[in-house]
């Protein structure tokens, strides 16, 4: 079993491994990762998916990962994670679970749905979903995030919600509060979130944000927030599969050729190169793998052995897309 070093998640007092596993692609039949259906072998039976989730979690555990990320809207993601934790009898002191609230899953266990999730950042939704998350994950749940907070979701304006979040932390029901970000206005959302305080301290302890070589624009602000004590969790380090060998989009052929050239030079694969780039960011406390199979976990773990260097960093920096372009492409990815 591989043992990874741990690092502090900002100033929370929580220790995390530099890589964690997110369950967005494991907890529900449909997701936007390229070739997601192939990962699940088109088998959407609940028991079959629970077994695949457990096998992938086992591989992550064997590889040293101790941070696991879920959300109320990840179908049965929290349920699968809770069942695995209890079945394996993992010590809650050896595991850090983060989850997210604010979306309700509405796809009815279908790959294609008119609406996969409904967003509501009200106090009532927070209190309902916190009870649901704690009911499943109990003492394993340490970090609870607003799911995809945006400038127009109301999450940053509702004083009653802020009071409820602060109260849950003060009562010890949660150890750390946070928010996840999505979209081209993520920087402004994060700046506004950092202005919210209760009892003289920042309301939000942790942020989960998209960062990868195609969309690195948030990096300077994340570094600033980390220096101010905020914990940083990186999501979508592989750009929902666009930074893997699965991306056969002709419009990405030139970029893919550069990625393959660098990966070969360093003796790795495209996914390992992209993850190594995220892991190399000094402000990143934990980088999430979005693996949906044990084989993908094994490949992702190879990022730690890649001799990532300045040449690789410069090459990947050249791939950055304008933020609006990146988020437009992401929003067009098909649920599969």
Protein backbone atom coordinates (compact mmCIF):
# COMPACT_ATOMS: atom_id res chain seq x y z
CA UNK A 1 0.00 0.00 0.00
CA UNK A 2 1.36 3.38 -1.03
CA UNK A 3 1.66 6.01 1.70
CA UNK A 4 1.38 9.60 0.54
CA UNK A 5 2.57 12.52 2.62
CA UNK A 6 -0.07 14.80 4.05
CA UNK A 7 -0.32 18.55 4.11
CA UNK A 8 -2.49 21.07 5.90
CA UNK A 9 -5.75 22.08 4.24
CA UNK A 10 -5.14 25.77 4.67
CA UNK A 11 -5.56 26.86 8.27
CA UNK A 12 -8.34 24.36 9.02
CA UNK A 13 -6.16 22.00 11.05
CA UNK A 14 -7.21 19.17 8.72
CA UNK A 15 -4.45 17.11 7.10
CA UNK A 16 -5.06 15.91 3.54
CA UNK A 17 -3.21 13.86 0.98
CA UNK A 18 -2.04 15.80 -2.10
CA UNK A 19 -4.43 13.79 -4.27
CA UNK A 20 -8.01 12.83 -3.50
CA UNK A 21 -10.84 11.09 -5.31
CA UNK A 22 -14.03 12.82 -6.41
CA UNK A 23 -17.18 10.77 -6.95
CA UNK A 24 -18.89 12.90 -9.60
CA UNK A 25 -18.40 10.16 -12.22
CA UNK A 26 -19.02 7.23 -9.85
CA UNK A 27 -22.27 8.12 -8.15
CA UNK A 28 -24.69 8.44 -11.06
CA UNK A 29 -25.22 6.94 -14.53
CA UNK A 30 -24.75 10.17 -16.45
CA UNK A 31 -21.90 12.66 -16.31
CA UNK A 32 -20.05 14.98 -18.70
CA UNK A 33 -16.62 13.29 -18.57
CA UNK A 34 -15.58 12.12 -22.03
CA UNK A 35 -16.45 8.41 -22.52
CA UNK A 36 -18.13 8.15 -19.12
CA UNK A 37 -20.51 5.52 -20.50
CA UNK A 38 -17.51 3.42 -21.55
CA UNK A 39 -16.12 3.59 -18.00
CA UNK A 40 -19.37 2.15 -16.67
CA UNK A 41 -19.60 -0.38 -19.51
CA UNK A 42 -23.13 0.96 -20.05
CA UNK A 43 -24.18 -1.00 -16.96
CA UNK A 44 -26.29 1.29 -14.79
CA UNK A 45 -27.64 -1.27 -12.36
CA UNK A 46 -27.39 0.26 -8.89
CA UNK A 47 -25.61 -2.74 -7.39
CA UNK A 48 -23.17 -2.92 -10.31
CA UNK A 49 -22.34 0.75 -9.93
CA UNK A 50 -21.93 0.35 -6.16
CA UNK A 51 -19.41 -2.45 -6.80
CA UNK A 52 -17.51 -0.34 -9.32
CA UNK A 53 -17.43 2.59 -6.91
CA UNK A 54 -16.11 0.31 -4.15
CA UNK A 55 -13.43 -1.16 -6.42
CA UNK A 56 -12.30 2.31 -7.46
CA UNK A 57 -12.30 3.51 -3.85
CA UNK A 58 -10.27 0.44 -2.87
CA UNK A 59 -7.71 1.29 -5.55
CA UNK A 60 -7.58 4.88 -4.33
CA UNK A 61 -7.06 3.75 -0.74
CA UNK A 62 -4.31 1.32 -1.77
CA UNK A 63 -2.68 4.18 -3.64
CA UNK A 64 -2.60 6.31 -0.50
CA UNK A 65 -5.49 8.67 -1.19
CA UNK A 66 -7.29 9.74 1.98
CA UNK A 67 -9.45 12.66 0.79
CA UNK A 68 -12.80 11.79 -0.77
CA UNK A 69 -15.19 14.28 -2.33
CA UNK A 70 -18.91 13.83 -2.91
CA UNK A 71 -22.09 15.91 -3.22
CA UNK A 72 -25.80 15.56 -2.58
CA UNK A 73 -26.37 15.81 -6.34
CA UNK A 74 -23.98 13.00 -7.28
CA UNK A 75 -26.83 10.52 -7.46
CA UNK A 76 -25.91 7.86 -4.89
CA UNK A 77 -22.35 9.11 -4.50
CA UNK A 78 -22.60 9.81 -0.77
CA UNK A 79 -24.41 6.50 -0.25
CA UNK A 80 -21.76 4.53 -2.14
CA UNK A 81 -18.97 6.29 -0.22
CA UNK A 82 -20.65 5.77 3.15
CA UNK A 83 -21.27 2.10 2.44
CA UNK A 84 -17.66 1.57 1.44
CA UNK A 85 -16.26 3.40 4.47
CA UNK A 86 -18.35 1.34 6.84
CA UNK A 87 -17.78 -1.96 5.06
CA UNK A 88 -14.01 -1.43 5.15
CA UNK A 89 -14.21 -0.11 8.74
CA UNK A 90 -11.88 2.75 7.97
CA UNK A 91 -11.02 4.88 11.00
CA UNK A 92 -12.72 8.31 10.69
CA UNK A 93 -9.50 9.86 11.98
CA UNK A 94 -7.62 8.48 8.97
CA UNK A 95 -10.04 9.77 6.33
CA UNK A 96 -11.21 13.21 5.29
CA UNK A 97 -14.54 13.44 3.50
CA UNK A 98 -15.73 16.61 1.86
CA UNK A 99 -19.19 16.93 0.39
CA UNK A 100 -21.32 19.61 -1.17
CA UNK A 101 -24.86 20.88 -0.83
CA UNK A 102 -27.03 23.14 -2.94
CA UNK A 103 -28.14 20.90 -5.80
CA UNK A 104 -30.82 18.23 -5.65
CA UNK A 105 -30.39 15.25 -7.99
CA UNK A 106 -33.36 14.99 -10.35
CA UNK A 107 -32.22 12.70 -13.19
CA UNK A 108 -34.08 9.65 -11.86
CA UNK A 109 -31.07 7.39 -12.41
CA UNK A 110 -31.11 8.12 -16.14
CA UNK A 111 -28.15 9.00 -18.35
CA UNK A 112 -30.22 11.52 -20.29
CA UNK A 113 -32.63 13.74 -18.44
CA UNK A 114 -34.37 17.02 -19.06
CA UNK A 115 -32.78 18.28 -15.85
CA UNK A 116 -30.04 16.43 -13.98
CA UNK A 117 -30.04 18.62 -10.88
CA UNK A 118 -31.86 21.61 -9.44
CA UNK A 119 -29.92 24.38 -7.74
CA UNK A 120 -31.13 26.06 -4.56
CA UNK A 121 -28.78 27.85 -2.18
CA UNK A 122 -31.35 28.67 0.48
CA UNK A 123 -30.98 28.09 4.21
CA UNK A 124 -33.77 25.51 4.08
CA UNK A 125 -31.90 23.47 1.48
CA UNK A 126 -28.67 23.69 3.47
CA UNK A 127 -30.34 22.43 6.65
CA UNK A 128 -32.15 19.62 4.83
CA UNK A 129 -29.11 18.45 2.90
CA UNK A 130 -26.74 18.75 5.86
CA UNK A 131 -28.99 16.39 7.80
CA UNK A 132 -28.99 14.01 4.82
CA UNK A 133 -25.21 14.13 4.43
CA UNK A 134 -24.56 13.64 8.14
CA UNK A 135 -27.08 10.81 8.21
CA UNK A 136 -24.99 8.94 5.67
CA UNK A 137 -21.45 10.03 6.43
CA UNK A 138 -21.62 10.84 10.14
CA UNK A 139 -18.21 11.47 11.69
CA UNK A 140 -16.41 11.06 8.36
CA UNK A 141 -17.77 14.35 7.02
CA UNK A 142 -15.27 17.12 7.80
CA UNK A 143 -15.65 19.66 4.99
CA UNK A 144 -19.00 20.90 3.64
CA UNK A 145 -19.13 23.15 0.60
CA UNK A 146 -21.74 25.22 -1.19
CA UNK A 147 -21.98 23.48 -4.55
CA UNK A 148 -21.07 25.81 -7.43
CA UNK A 149 -21.64 29.12 -5.70
CA UNK A 150 -22.11 31.89 -8.27
CA UNK A 151 -22.80 35.60 -8.21
CA UNK A 152 -26.46 35.03 -9.06
CA UNK A 153 -27.26 32.03 -6.84
CA UNK A 154 -27.95 34.10 -3.73
CA UNK A 155 -25.44 32.18 -1.62
CA UNK A 156 -23.27 35.22 -1.04
CA UNK A 157 -26.11 37.58 -0.11
CA UNK A 158 -28.25 35.53 2.29
CA UNK A 159 -27.36 36.55 5.84
CA UNK A 160 -29.68 33.89 7.26
CA UNK A 161 -27.75 31.23 5.35
CA UNK A 162 -24.44 32.60 6.58
CA UNK A 163 -25.75 32.47 10.14
CA UNK A 164 -26.79 28.84 9.70
CA UNK A 165 -23.42 27.87 8.20
CA UNK A 166 -21.54 29.57 11.02
CA UNK A 167 -23.77 27.96 13.63
CA UNK A 168 -23.17 24.47 12.22
CA UNK A 169 -19.43 25.02 12.45
CA UNK A 170 -19.59 26.52 15.93
CA UNK A 171 -21.69 23.59 17.16
CA UNK A 172 -19.09 21.15 15.85
CA UNK A 173 -21.45 19.56 13.33
CA UNK A 174 -18.91 20.52 10.65
CA UNK A 175 -15.20 21.17 10.95
CA UNK A 176 -14.74 23.39 7.89
CA UNK A 177 -17.04 25.37 5.60
CA UNK A 178 -16.38 26.15 1.98
CA UNK A 179 -17.66 26.68 -1.51
CA UNK A 180 -16.99 25.20 -4.90
CA UNK A 181 -16.76 27.41 -7.97
CA UNK A 182 -17.76 27.08 -11.59
CA UNK A 183 -17.82 29.39 -14.59
CA UNK A 184 -15.91 32.39 -15.93
CA UNK A 185 -16.95 34.62 -12.99
CA UNK A 186 -15.29 32.33 -10.43
CA UNK A 187 -12.69 34.93 -9.45
CA UNK A 188 -15.25 37.57 -8.55
CA UNK A 189 -17.33 34.97 -6.71
CA UNK A 190 -14.32 33.95 -4.63
CA UNK A 191 -13.38 37.56 -3.86
CA UNK A 192 -16.88 38.29 -2.60
CA UNK A 193 -16.96 35.09 -0.57
CA UNK A 194 -13.75 36.11 1.20
CA UNK A 195 -15.44 39.31 2.38
CA UNK A 196 -18.05 37.40 4.40
CA UNK A 197 -17.17 37.06 8.08
CA UNK A 198 -18.76 35.86 11.26
CA UNK A 199 -17.34 36.56 14.72
CA UNK A 200 -14.28 38.17 13.20
CA UNK A 201 -13.24 35.23 11.00
CA UNK A 202 -13.79 34.28 7.39
CA UNK A 203 -16.99 32.31 6.93
CA UNK A 204 -15.42 30.07 4.32
CA UNK A 205 -12.37 27.98 5.20
CA UNK A 206 -11.96 26.04 1.95
CA UNK A 207 -12.52 26.54 -1.76
CA UNK A 208 -12.79 23.86 -4.42
CA UNK A 209 -11.94 25.36 -7.79
CA UNK A 210 -11.29 24.36 -11.37
CA UNK A 211 -7.64 24.65 -12.36
CA UNK A 212 -5.88 22.93 -15.23
CA UNK A 213 -3.52 23.88 -18.07
CA UNK A 214 -6.49 24.85 -20.26
CA UNK A 215 -8.07 27.06 -17.57
CA UNK A 216 -5.38 28.37 -15.21
CA UNK A 217 -6.81 31.88 -14.79
CA UNK A 218 -7.77 31.45 -11.13
CA UNK A 219 -4.23 30.49 -10.10
CA UNK A 220 -2.99 33.88 -8.81
CA UNK A 221 -6.12 34.41 -6.72
CA UNK A 222 -5.95 30.88 -5.32
CA UNK A 223 -2.34 31.54 -4.32
CA UNK A 224 -3.44 34.72 -2.58
CA UNK A 225 -6.25 32.94 -0.74
CA UNK A 226 -3.93 30.10 0.30
CA UNK A 227 -1.47 32.63 1.72
CA UNK A 228 -4.38 34.03 3.73
CA UNK A 229 -5.09 30.60 5.23
CA UNK A 230 -7.78 29.24 2.92
CA UNK A 231 -7.63 25.56 2.02
CA UNK A 232 -7.45 24.89 -1.73
CA UNK A 233 -8.87 21.79 -3.42
CA UNK A 234 -8.39 21.54 -7.20
CA UNK A 235 -11.15 19.95 -9.27
CA UNK A 236 -11.32 19.16 -12.99
CA UNK A 237 -7.54 18.92 -13.29
CA UNK A 238 -8.11 16.81 -16.43
CA UNK A 239 -10.77 19.17 -17.82
CA UNK A 240 -13.48 16.49 -17.78
CA UNK A 241 -11.37 14.21 -19.96
CA UNK A 242 -10.18 16.84 -22.44
CA UNK A 243 -6.66 16.42 -21.02
CA UNK A 244 -6.56 12.68 -21.59
CA UNK A 245 -5.94 10.37 -24.53
CA UNK A 246 -9.71 10.18 -25.01
CA UNK A 247 -9.88 13.65 -26.48
CA UNK A 248 -9.99 12.99 -30.22
CA UNK A 249 -11.57 16.33 -31.12
CA UNK A 250 -9.91 17.44 -34.40
CA UNK A 251 -9.95 21.03 -33.11
CA UNK A 252 -7.68 19.89 -30.26
CA UNK A 253 -5.21 17.95 -32.42
CA UNK A 254 -2.38 20.49 -32.20
CA UNK A 255 -2.68 20.77 -28.42
CA UNK A 256 -2.88 17.02 -28.07
CA UNK A 257 0.31 16.60 -30.08
CA UNK A 258 2.13 18.93 -27.68
CA UNK A 259 0.78 17.03 -24.68
CA UNK A 260 1.83 13.70 -26.14
CA UNK A 261 5.31 15.02 -26.95
CA UNK A 262 5.86 16.25 -23.38
CA UNK A 263 4.36 13.11 -21.85
CA UNK A 264 6.70 10.92 -23.91
CA UNK A 265 9.70 13.05 -22.97
CA UNK A 266 8.93 12.60 -19.27
CA UNK A 267 8.01 8.92 -19.61
CA UNK A 268 4.33 9.26 -18.77
CA UNK A 269 0.85 9.75 -20.16
CA UNK A 270 -1.25 12.82 -20.89
CA UNK A 271 -3.36 12.45 -17.76
CA UNK A 272 -0.26 12.05 -15.61
CA UNK A 273 1.26 15.15 -17.16
CA UNK A 274 -1.81 17.28 -16.49
CA UNK A 275 -2.15 16.02 -12.92
CA UNK A 276 1.56 16.57 -12.28
CA UNK A 277 1.11 20.14 -13.44
CA UNK A 278 -1.70 20.69 -10.93
CA UNK A 279 0.24 18.96 -8.15
CA UNK A 280 3.18 21.26 -8.84
CA UNK A 281 1.18 24.36 -7.93
CA UNK A 282 2.51 25.41 -4.49
CA UNK A 283 -0.89 26.68 -3.36
CA UNK A 284 -2.77 23.43 -4.13
CA UNK A 285 -3.47 21.42 -0.97
CA UNK A 286 -5.33 18.57 -2.68
CA UNK A 287 -5.89 17.75 -6.35
CA UNK A 288 -8.90 15.59 -7.10
CA UNK A 289 -8.80 12.63 -9.42
CA UNK A 290 -12.08 12.08 -11.21
CA UNK A 291 -11.28 8.42 -11.89
CA UNK A 292 -14.18 6.07 -12.52
CA UNK A 293 -12.19 2.80 -12.70
CA UNK A 294 -9.32 1.23 -10.75
CA UNK A 295 -7.16 1.40 -13.90
CA UNK A 296 -7.65 5.15 -14.08
CA UNK A 297 -6.63 5.47 -10.43
CA UNK A 298 -3.45 3.53 -11.19
CA UNK A 299 -2.68 5.77 -14.14
CA UNK A 300 -3.42 8.98 -12.19
CA UNK A 301 -1.09 7.91 -9.39
CA UNK A 302 1.73 7.82 -11.92
CA UNK A 303 1.67 11.63 -11.81
CA UNK A 304 3.71 11.45 -8.60
CA UNK A 305 6.55 9.69 -10.44
CA UNK A 306 6.64 12.08 -13.37
CA UNK A 307 9.74 14.35 -13.33
CA UNK A 308 7.69 17.47 -14.04
CA UNK A 309 10.06 20.31 -14.97
CA UNK A 310 10.22 23.88 -16.25
CA UNK A 311 10.01 22.79 -19.89
CA UNK A 312 6.81 20.87 -19.18
CA UNK A 313 5.39 23.81 -17.22
CA UNK A 314 6.12 26.21 -20.10
CA UNK A 315 4.65 23.86 -22.70
CA UNK A 316 1.44 23.37 -20.73
CA UNK A 317 1.18 27.10 -20.03
CA UNK A 318 1.02 27.65 -23.78
CA UNK A 319 -2.21 25.62 -23.94
CA UNK A 320 -4.27 28.04 -21.85
CA UNK A 321 -7.60 28.99 -23.40
CA UNK A 322 -9.52 32.22 -22.80
CA UNK A 323 -11.78 31.57 -19.81
CA UNK A 324 -14.97 32.27 -21.76
CA UNK A 325 -13.91 29.79 -24.44
CA UNK A 326 -13.03 27.12 -21.88
CA UNK A 327 -16.34 27.39 -20.03
CA UNK A 328 -18.29 27.49 -23.29
CA UNK A 329 -16.68 24.21 -24.38
CA UNK A 330 -17.31 22.67 -20.96
CA UNK A 331 -20.99 23.65 -20.99
CA UNK A 332 -21.36 21.90 -24.36
CA UNK A 333 -19.97 18.56 -23.17
CA UNK A 334 -22.58 15.83 -23.50
CA UNK A 335 -23.95 13.88 -20.56
CA UNK A 336 -23.12 10.24 -21.28
